[in-house]
Amino acid sequence: MSYSTGEKPGIGTYVCTNCGQTVVLNDNTDTLPPCPKCDKTSYTKA
């Protein structure tokens, strides 16, 4: 399953499908940002 910038997929670690950068969300209300490394917007859950 993939997730996009702007979604609130829940607590966990998400991996950019373009460059592999990880983003950690610590709260169920956190929103996925654009990738901090490559600025892409698609993630999978680690």
Protein backbone atom coordinates (compact mmCIF):
# COMPACT_ATOMS: atom_id res chain seq x y z
CA MET A 1 0.00 0.00 0.00
CA SER A 2 1.25 3.47 -0.79
CA TYR A 3 0.65 6.75 0.98
CA SER A 4 0.84 10.31 -0.30
CA THR A 5 1.85 13.69 1.07
CA GLY A 6 -1.06 15.24 2.94
CA GLU A 7 -2.46 11.94 4.21
CA LYS A 8 -2.63 11.02 7.91
CA PRO A 9 -1.77 7.30 7.77
CA GLY A 10 -0.99 6.96 11.48
CA ILE A 11 2.01 6.39 13.70
CA GLY A 12 4.95 4.66 12.02
CA THR A 13 7.92 4.93 9.71
CA TYR A 14 7.30 5.70 6.05
CA VAL A 15 9.81 5.26 3.21
CA CYS A 16 9.94 7.47 0.13
CA THR A 17 9.32 5.34 -2.96
CA ASN A 18 11.70 7.52 -4.99
CA CYS A 19 14.85 7.85 -2.85
CA GLY A 20 14.33 5.68 0.24
CA GLN A 21 14.37 8.54 2.75
CA THR A 22 12.45 7.68 5.91
CA VAL A 23 9.91 9.90 7.65
CA VAL A 24 8.65 9.05 11.15
CA LEU A 25 5.18 10.07 12.27
CA ASN A 26 4.76 10.06 16.05
CA ASP A 27 1.06 10.89 16.28
CA ASN A 28 -2.11 9.76 14.51
CA THR A 29 -2.82 13.39 13.60
CA ASP A 30 0.58 13.95 11.89
CA THR A 31 0.43 14.56 8.14
CA LEU A 32 2.96 13.10 5.70
CA PRO A 33 5.18 15.90 4.35
CA PRO A 34 6.83 16.02 0.93
CA CYS A 35 10.04 13.97 1.11
CA PRO A 36 12.68 16.05 2.92
CA LYS A 37 15.39 14.68 0.59
CA CYS A 38 13.89 14.63 -2.92
CA ASP A 39 10.55 16.47 -2.50
CA LYS A 40 8.50 13.59 -3.96
CA THR A 41 5.13 12.70 -2.44
CA SER A 42 4.76 8.88 -2.42
CA TYR A 43 5.61 6.59 0.49
CA THR A 44 5.27 3.00 1.63
CA LYS A 45 5.13 1.93 5.28
CA ALA A 46 8.37 0.44 6.61
